[in-house]
Amino acid sequence: MTTHDNLVAMANQIARNFEVLGDAAAAAATANHLRLFWAPQLRAAITAGDAGLTPVASAAIRVLHADGL
């Protein structure tokens, strides 16, 4: 498993924890979690592609992109 695969798996797990909030709120909460707890290098690495990300995790990555990571 590559580093990117591990990041995708972690982002998906985080997103799954927030899915009870509904898609938009879950994406925002996931993005906020990544902002607070992931190093900038990890946030940059996960945004390299969205292959394997759940829809909520993918939306969270788009939120990070829109906010400039």
PDB file of N, CA and C in Angstrom:
ATOM      1  N   MET A   1       0.847  -1.175   0.000  1.00  0.00           N
ATOM      2  CA  MET A   1       0.000   0.000   0.000  1.00  0.00           C
ATOM      3  C   MET A   1       0.893   1.239   0.000  1.00  0.00           C
ATOM      4  N   THR A   2       0.612   2.166  -0.889  1.00  0.00           N
ATOM      5  CA  THR A   2       1.416   3.386  -0.987  1.00  0.00           C
ATOM      6  C   THR A   2       0.978   4.398   0.065  1.00  0.00           C
ATOM      7  N   THR A   3       1.785   5.431   0.220  1.00  0.00           N
ATOM      8  CA  THR A   3       1.433   6.514   1.134  1.00  0.00           C
ATOM      9  C   THR A   3       0.106   7.141   0.726  1.00  0.00           C
ATOM     10  N   HIS A   4      -0.071   7.362  -0.581  1.00  0.00           N
ATOM     11  CA  HIS A   4      -1.324   7.957  -1.048  1.00  0.00           C
ATOM     12  C   HIS A   4      -2.507   7.052  -0.727  1.00  0.00           C
ATOM     13  N   ASP A   5      -2.344   5.755  -0.886  1.00  0.00           N
ATOM     14  CA  ASP A   5      -3.409   4.809  -0.540  1.00  0.00           C
ATOM     15  C   ASP A   5      -3.768   4.901   0.945  1.00  0.00           C
ATOM     16  N   ASN A   6      -2.748   5.032   1.784  1.00  0.00           N
ATOM     17  CA  ASN A   6      -2.987   5.171   3.225  1.00  0.00           C
ATOM     18  C   ASN A   6      -3.730   6.465   3.537  1.00  0.00           C
ATOM     19  N   LEU A   7      -3.354   7.544   2.873  1.00  0.00           N
ATOM     20  CA  LEU A   7      -4.032   8.815   3.090  1.00  0.00           C
ATOM     21  C   LEU A   7      -5.490   8.736   2.647  1.00  0.00           C
ATOM     22  N   VAL A   8      -5.728   8.092   1.521  1.00  0.00           N
ATOM     23  CA  VAL A   8      -7.092   7.911   1.032  1.00  0.00           C
ATOM     24  C   VAL A   8      -7.909   7.111   2.043  1.00  0.00           C
ATOM     25  N   ALA A   9      -7.333   6.030   2.549  1.00  0.00           N
ATOM     26  CA  ALA A   9      -8.040   5.206   3.535  1.00  0.00           C
ATOM     27  C   ALA A   9      -8.370   6.013   4.787  1.00  0.00           C
ATOM     28  N   MET A  10      -7.417   6.812   5.266  1.00  0.00           N
ATOM     29  CA  MET A  10      -7.661   7.625   6.456  1.00  0.00           C
ATOM     30  C   MET A  10      -8.717   8.694   6.199  1.00  0.00           C
ATOM     31  N   ALA A  11      -8.634   9.366   5.059  1.00  0.00           N
ATOM     32  CA  ALA A  11      -9.620  10.394   4.731  1.00  0.00           C
ATOM     33  C   ALA A  11     -11.014   9.786   4.631  1.00  0.00           C
ATOM     34  N   ASN A  12     -11.113   8.604   4.047  1.00  0.00           N
ATOM     35  CA  ASN A  12     -12.405   7.930   3.947  1.00  0.00           C
ATOM     36  C   ASN A  12     -12.952   7.570   5.327  1.00  0.00           C
ATOM     37  N   GLN A  13     -12.090   7.125   6.233  1.00  0.00           N
ATOM     38  CA  GLN A  13     -12.528   6.795   7.593  1.00  0.00           C
ATOM     39  C   GLN A  13     -13.050   8.037   8.306  1.00  0.00           C
ATOM     40  N   ILE A  14     -12.332   9.125   8.167  1.00  0.00           N
ATOM     41  CA  ILE A  14     -12.756  10.377   8.797  1.00  0.00           C
ATOM     42  C   ILE A  14     -14.104  10.803   8.233  1.00  0.00           C
ATOM     43  N   ALA A  15     -14.238  10.750   6.914  1.00  0.00           N
ATOM     44  CA  ALA A  15     -15.489  11.146   6.269  1.00  0.00           C
ATOM     45  C   ALA A  15     -16.647  10.265   6.732  1.00  0.00           C
ATOM     46  N   ARG A  16     -16.404   8.967   6.861  1.00  0.00           N
ATOM     47  CA  ARG A  16     -17.465   8.060   7.312  1.00  0.00           C
ATOM     48  C   ARG A  16     -17.968   8.433   8.701  1.00  0.00           C
ATOM     49  N   ASN A  17     -17.076   8.903   9.560  1.00  0.00           N
ATOM     50  CA  ASN A  17     -17.493   9.308  10.906  1.00  0.00           C
ATOM     51  C   ASN A  17     -18.430  10.501  10.888  1.00  0.00           C
ATOM     52  N   PHE A  18     -18.340  11.333   9.876  1.00  0.00           N
ATOM     53  CA  PHE A  18     -19.166  12.540   9.791  1.00  0.00           C
ATOM     54  C   PHE A  18     -20.395  12.369   8.900  1.00  0.00           C
ATOM     55  N   GLU A  19     -20.557  11.230   8.237  1.00  0.00           N
ATOM     56  CA  GLU A  19     -21.652  11.045   7.280  1.00  0.00           C
ATOM     57  C   GLU A  19     -23.032  11.217   7.894  1.00  0.00           C
ATOM     58  N   VAL A  20     -23.168  11.008   9.197  1.00  0.00           N
ATOM     59  CA  VAL A  20     -24.471  11.177   9.845  1.00  0.00           C
ATOM     60  C   VAL A  20     -24.947  12.627   9.792  1.00  0.00           C
ATOM     61  N   LEU A  21     -24.041  13.555   9.512  1.00  0.00           N
ATOM     62  CA  LEU A  21     -24.384  14.975   9.447  1.00  0.00           C
ATOM     63  C   LEU A  21     -25.054  15.365   8.134  1.00  0.00           C
ATOM     64  N   GLY A  22     -25.019  14.494   7.148  1.00  0.00           N
ATOM     65  CA  GLY A  22     -25.472  14.836   5.803  1.00  0.00           C
ATOM     66  C   GLY A  22     -24.254  15.196   4.967  1.00  0.00           C
ATOM     67  N   ASP A  23     -24.406  15.087   3.663  1.00  0.00           N
ATOM     68  CA  ASP A  23     -23.248  15.217   2.771  1.00  0.00           C
ATOM     69  C   ASP A  23     -22.497  16.539   2.897  1.00  0.00           C
ATOM     70  N   ALA A  24     -23.194  17.663   2.817  1.00  0.00           N
ATOM     71  CA  ALA A  24     -22.518  18.970   2.834  1.00  0.00           C
ATOM     72  C   ALA A  24     -21.821  19.218   4.169  1.00  0.00           C
ATOM     73  N   ALA A  25     -22.513  18.963   5.262  1.00  0.00           N
ATOM     74  CA  ALA A  25     -21.923  19.183   6.587  1.00  0.00           C
ATOM     75  C   ALA A  25     -20.790  18.198   6.846  1.00  0.00           C
ATOM     76  N   ALA A  26     -20.942  16.965   6.369  1.00  0.00           N
ATOM     77  CA  ALA A  26     -19.884  15.970   6.538  1.00  0.00           C
ATOM     78  C   ALA A  26     -18.632  16.365   5.776  1.00  0.00           C
ATOM     79  N   ALA A  27     -18.802  16.883   4.563  1.00  0.00           N
ATOM     80  CA  ALA A  27     -17.646  17.334   3.778  1.00  0.00           C
ATOM     81  C   ALA A  27     -16.947  18.485   4.479  1.00  0.00           C
ATOM     82  N   ALA A  28     -17.722  19.431   4.993  1.00  0.00           N
ATOM     83  CA  ALA A  28     -17.133  20.570   5.707  1.00  0.00           C
ATOM     84  C   ALA A  28     -16.416  20.116   6.975  1.00  0.00           C
ATOM     85  N   ALA A  29     -17.026  19.195   7.716  1.00  0.00           N
ATOM     86  CA  ALA A  29     -16.414  18.704   8.948  1.00  0.00           C
ATOM     87  C   ALA A  29     -15.150  17.898   8.652  1.00  0.00           C
ATOM     88  N   THR A  30     -15.185  17.122   7.583  1.00  0.00           N
ATOM     89  CA  THR A  30     -14.002  16.350   7.195  1.00  0.00           C
ATOM     90  C   THR A  30     -12.875  17.290   6.789  1.00  0.00           C
ATOM     91  N   ALA A  31     -13.193  18.288   5.988  1.00  0.00           N
ATOM     92  CA  ALA A  31     -12.179  19.267   5.577  1.00  0.00           C
ATOM     93  C   ALA A  31     -11.602  19.974   6.796  1.00  0.00           C
ATOM     94  N   ASN A  32     -12.452  20.337   7.734  1.00  0.00           N
ATOM     95  CA  ASN A  32     -11.982  21.008   8.948  1.00  0.00           C
ATOM     96  C   ASN A  32     -11.062  20.091   9.751  1.00  0.00           C
ATOM     97  N   HIS A  33     -11.428  18.823   9.866  1.00  0.00           N
ATOM     98  CA  HIS A  33     -10.584  17.858  10.572  1.00  0.00           C
ATOM     99  C   HIS A  33      -9.211  17.756   9.901  1.00  0.00           C
ATOM    100  N   LEU A  34      -9.209  17.654   8.586  1.00  0.00           N
ATOM    101  CA  LEU A  34      -7.937  17.554   7.861  1.00  0.00           C
ATOM    102  C   LEU A  34      -7.098  18.810   8.061  1.00  0.00           C
ATOM    103  N   ARG A  35      -7.751  19.975   8.061  1.00  0.00           N
ATOM    104  CA  ARG A  35      -7.051  21.245   8.293  1.00  0.00           C
ATOM    105  C   ARG A  35      -6.415  21.273   9.678  1.00  0.00           C
ATOM    106  N   LEU A  36      -7.166  20.797  10.672  1.00  0.00           N
ATOM    107  CA  LEU A  36      -6.699  20.874  12.059  1.00  0.00           C
ATOM    108  C   LEU A  36      -5.639  19.834  12.418  1.00  0.00           C
ATOM    109  N   PHE A  37      -5.771  18.633  11.862  1.00  0.00           N
ATOM    110  CA  PHE A  37      -4.957  17.523  12.356  1.00  0.00           C
ATOM    111  C   PHE A  37      -3.955  16.947  11.363  1.00  0.00           C
ATOM    112  N   TRP A  38      -4.032  17.333  10.120  1.00  0.00           N
ATOM    113  CA  TRP A  38      -3.073  16.835   9.135  1.00  0.00           C
ATOM    114  C   TRP A  38      -2.061  17.916   8.810  1.00  0.00           C
ATOM    115  N   ALA A  39      -0.804  17.512   8.688  1.00  0.00           N
ATOM    116  CA  ALA A  39       0.256  18.442   8.294  1.00  0.00           C
ATOM    117  C   ALA A  39       0.002  18.937   6.877  1.00  0.00           C
ATOM    118  N   PRO A  40       0.462  20.139   6.573  1.00  0.00           N
ATOM    119  CA  PRO A  40       0.263  20.680   5.220  1.00  0.00           C
ATOM    120  C   PRO A  40       0.747  19.738   4.115  1.00  0.00           C
ATOM    121  N   GLN A  41       1.830  19.026   4.363  1.00  0.00           N
ATOM    122  CA  GLN A  41       2.349  18.101   3.352  1.00  0.00           C
ATOM    123  C   GLN A  41       1.363  16.967   3.085  1.00  0.00           C
ATOM    124  N   LEU A  42       0.689  16.492   4.126  1.00  0.00           N
ATOM    125  CA  LEU A  42      -0.299  15.422   3.942  1.00  0.00           C
ATOM    126  C   LEU A  42      -1.525  15.938   3.201  1.00  0.00           C
ATOM    127  N   ARG A  43      -1.958  17.148   3.538  1.00  0.00           N
ATOM    128  CA  ARG A  43      -3.105  17.736   2.818  1.00  0.00           C
ATOM    129  C   ARG A  43      -2.767  17.919   1.353  1.00  0.00           C
ATOM    130  N   ALA A  44      -1.558  18.341   1.065  1.00  0.00           N
ATOM    131  CA  ALA A  44      -1.147  18.516  -0.334  1.00  0.00           C
ATOM    132  C   ALA A  44      -1.083  17.170  -1.046  1.00  0.00           C
ATOM    133  N   ALA A  45      -0.601  16.140  -0.354  1.00  0.00           N
ATOM    134  CA  ALA A  45      -0.475  14.824  -0.972  1.00  0.00           C
ATOM    135  C   ALA A  45      -1.831  14.216  -1.294  1.00  0.00           C
ATOM    136  N   ILE A  46      -2.810  14.396  -0.421  1.00  0.00           N
ATOM    137  CA  ILE A  46      -4.125  13.800  -0.656  1.00  0.00           C
ATOM    138  C   ILE A  46      -4.837  14.498  -1.811  1.00  0.00           C
ATOM    139  N   THR A  47      -4.500  15.726  -2.076  1.00  0.00           N
ATOM    140  CA  THR A  47      -5.172  16.458  -3.155  1.00  0.00           C
ATOM    141  C   THR A  47      -4.588  16.140  -4.523  1.00  0.00           C
ATOM    142  N   ALA A  48      -3.608  15.257  -4.568  1.00  0.00           N
ATOM    143  CA  ALA A  48      -2.997  14.888  -5.845  1.00  0.00           C
ATOM    144  C   ALA A  48      -3.964  14.133  -6.747  1.00  0.00           C
ATOM    145  N   GLY A  49      -4.997  13.551  -6.176  1.00  0.00           N
ATOM    146  CA  GLY A  49      -5.995  12.827  -6.958  1.00  0.00           C
ATOM    147  C   GLY A  49      -7.070  12.312  -6.049  1.00  0.00           C
ATOM    148  N   ASP A  50      -8.249  12.069  -6.606  1.00  0.00           N
ATOM    149  CA  ASP A  50      -9.332  11.629  -5.734  1.00  0.00           C
ATOM    150  C   ASP A  50      -9.733  10.175  -5.979  1.00  0.00           C
ATOM    151  N   ALA A  51      -8.873   9.420  -6.637  1.00  0.00           N
ATOM    152  CA  ALA A  51      -9.163   8.004  -6.867  1.00  0.00           C
ATOM    153  C   ALA A  51      -9.291   7.273  -5.538  1.00  0.00           C
ATOM    154  N   GLY A  52     -10.389   6.575  -5.355  1.00  0.00           N
ATOM    155  CA  GLY A  52     -10.599   5.788  -4.154  1.00  0.00           C
ATOM    156  C   GLY A  52     -11.284   6.524  -3.027  1.00  0.00           C
ATOM    157  N   LEU A  53     -11.456   7.827  -3.153  1.00  0.00           N
ATOM    158  CA  LEU A  53     -12.121   8.593  -2.103  1.00  0.00           C
ATOM    159  C   LEU A  53     -13.631   8.405  -2.182  1.00  0.00           C
ATOM    160  N   THR A  54     -14.268   8.356  -1.031  1.00  0.00           N
ATOM    161  CA  THR A  54     -15.723   8.337  -0.988  1.00  0.00           C
ATOM    162  C   THR A  54     -16.229   9.702  -1.465  1.00  0.00           C
ATOM    163  N   PRO A  55     -17.498   9.792  -1.829  1.00  0.00           N
ATOM    164  CA  PRO A  55     -18.026  11.097  -2.265  1.00  0.00           C
ATOM    165  C   PRO A  55     -17.841  12.200  -1.222  1.00  0.00           C
ATOM    166  N   VAL A  56     -18.040  11.886   0.045  1.00  0.00           N
ATOM    167  CA  VAL A  56     -17.879  12.902   1.096  1.00  0.00           C
ATOM    168  C   VAL A  56     -16.417  13.310   1.224  1.00  0.00           C
ATOM    169  N   ALA A  57     -15.511  12.354   1.215  1.00  0.00           N
ATOM    170  CA  ALA A  57     -14.089  12.671   1.310  1.00  0.00           C
ATOM    171  C   ALA A  57     -13.634  13.477   0.093  1.00  0.00           C
ATOM    172  N   SER A  58     -14.131  13.120  -1.074  1.00  0.00           N
ATOM    173  CA  SER A  58     -13.797  13.862  -2.289  1.00  0.00           C
ATOM    174  C   SER A  58     -14.297  15.303  -2.202  1.00  0.00           C
ATOM    175  N   ALA A  59     -15.506  15.474  -1.686  1.00  0.00           N
ATOM    176  CA  ALA A  59     -16.044  16.827  -1.506  1.00  0.00           C
ATOM    177  C   ALA A  59     -15.203  17.614  -0.502  1.00  0.00           C
ATOM    178  N   ALA A  60     -14.719  16.939   0.534  1.00  0.00           N
ATOM    179  CA  ALA A  60     -13.868  17.612   1.519  1.00  0.00           C
ATOM    180  C   ALA A  60     -12.573  18.084   0.881  1.00  0.00           C
ATOM    181  N   ILE A  61     -12.024  17.285  -0.008  1.00  0.00           N
ATOM    182  CA  ILE A  61     -10.797  17.682  -0.708  1.00  0.00           C
ATOM    183  C   ILE A  61     -11.069  18.899  -1.583  1.00  0.00           C
ATOM    184  N   ARG A  62     -12.230  18.931  -2.222  1.00  0.00           N
ATOM    185  CA  ARG A  62     -12.591  20.114  -3.026  1.00  0.00           C
ATOM    186  C   ARG A  62     -12.718  21.350  -2.143  1.00  0.00           C
ATOM    187  N   VAL A  63     -13.245  21.183  -0.922  1.00  0.00           N
ATOM    188  CA  VAL A  63     -13.324  22.305   0.024  1.00  0.00           C
ATOM    189  C   VAL A  63     -11.915  22.789   0.365  1.00  0.00           C
ATOM    190  N   LEU A  64     -10.997  21.860   0.614  1.00  0.00           N
ATOM    191  CA  LEU A  64      -9.618  22.247   0.905  1.00  0.00           C
ATOM    192  C   LEU A  64      -8.997  23.003  -0.257  1.00  0.00           C
ATOM    193  N   HIS A  65      -9.243  22.519  -1.477  1.00  0.00           N
ATOM    194  CA  HIS A  65      -8.736  23.213  -2.668  1.00  0.00           C
ATOM    195  C   HIS A  65      -9.288  24.621  -2.749  1.00  0.00           C
ATOM    196  N   ALA A  66     -10.576  24.757  -2.531  1.00  0.00           N
ATOM    197  CA  ALA A  66     -11.221  26.079  -2.622  1.00  0.00           C
ATOM    198  C   ALA A  66     -10.651  27.036  -1.566  1.00  0.00           C
ATOM    199  N   ASP A  67     -10.265  26.477  -0.420  1.00  0.00           N
ATOM    200  CA  ASP A  67      -9.703  27.298   0.652  1.00  0.00           C
ATOM    201  C   ASP A  67      -8.195  27.457   0.550  1.00  0.00           C
ATOM    202  N   GLY A  68      -7.608  26.904  -0.497  1.00  0.00           N
ATOM    203  CA  GLY A  68      -6.156  27.002  -0.666  1.00  0.00           C
ATOM    204  C   GLY A  68      -5.382  26.060   0.249  1.00  0.00           C
ATOM    205  N   LEU A  69      -5.974  24.936   0.591  1.00  0.00           N
ATOM    206  CA  LEU A  69      -5.407  23.919   1.477  1.00  0.00           C
ATOM    207  C   LEU A  69      -5.266  24.495   2.851  1.00  0.00           C
TER     208      LEU A  69
END
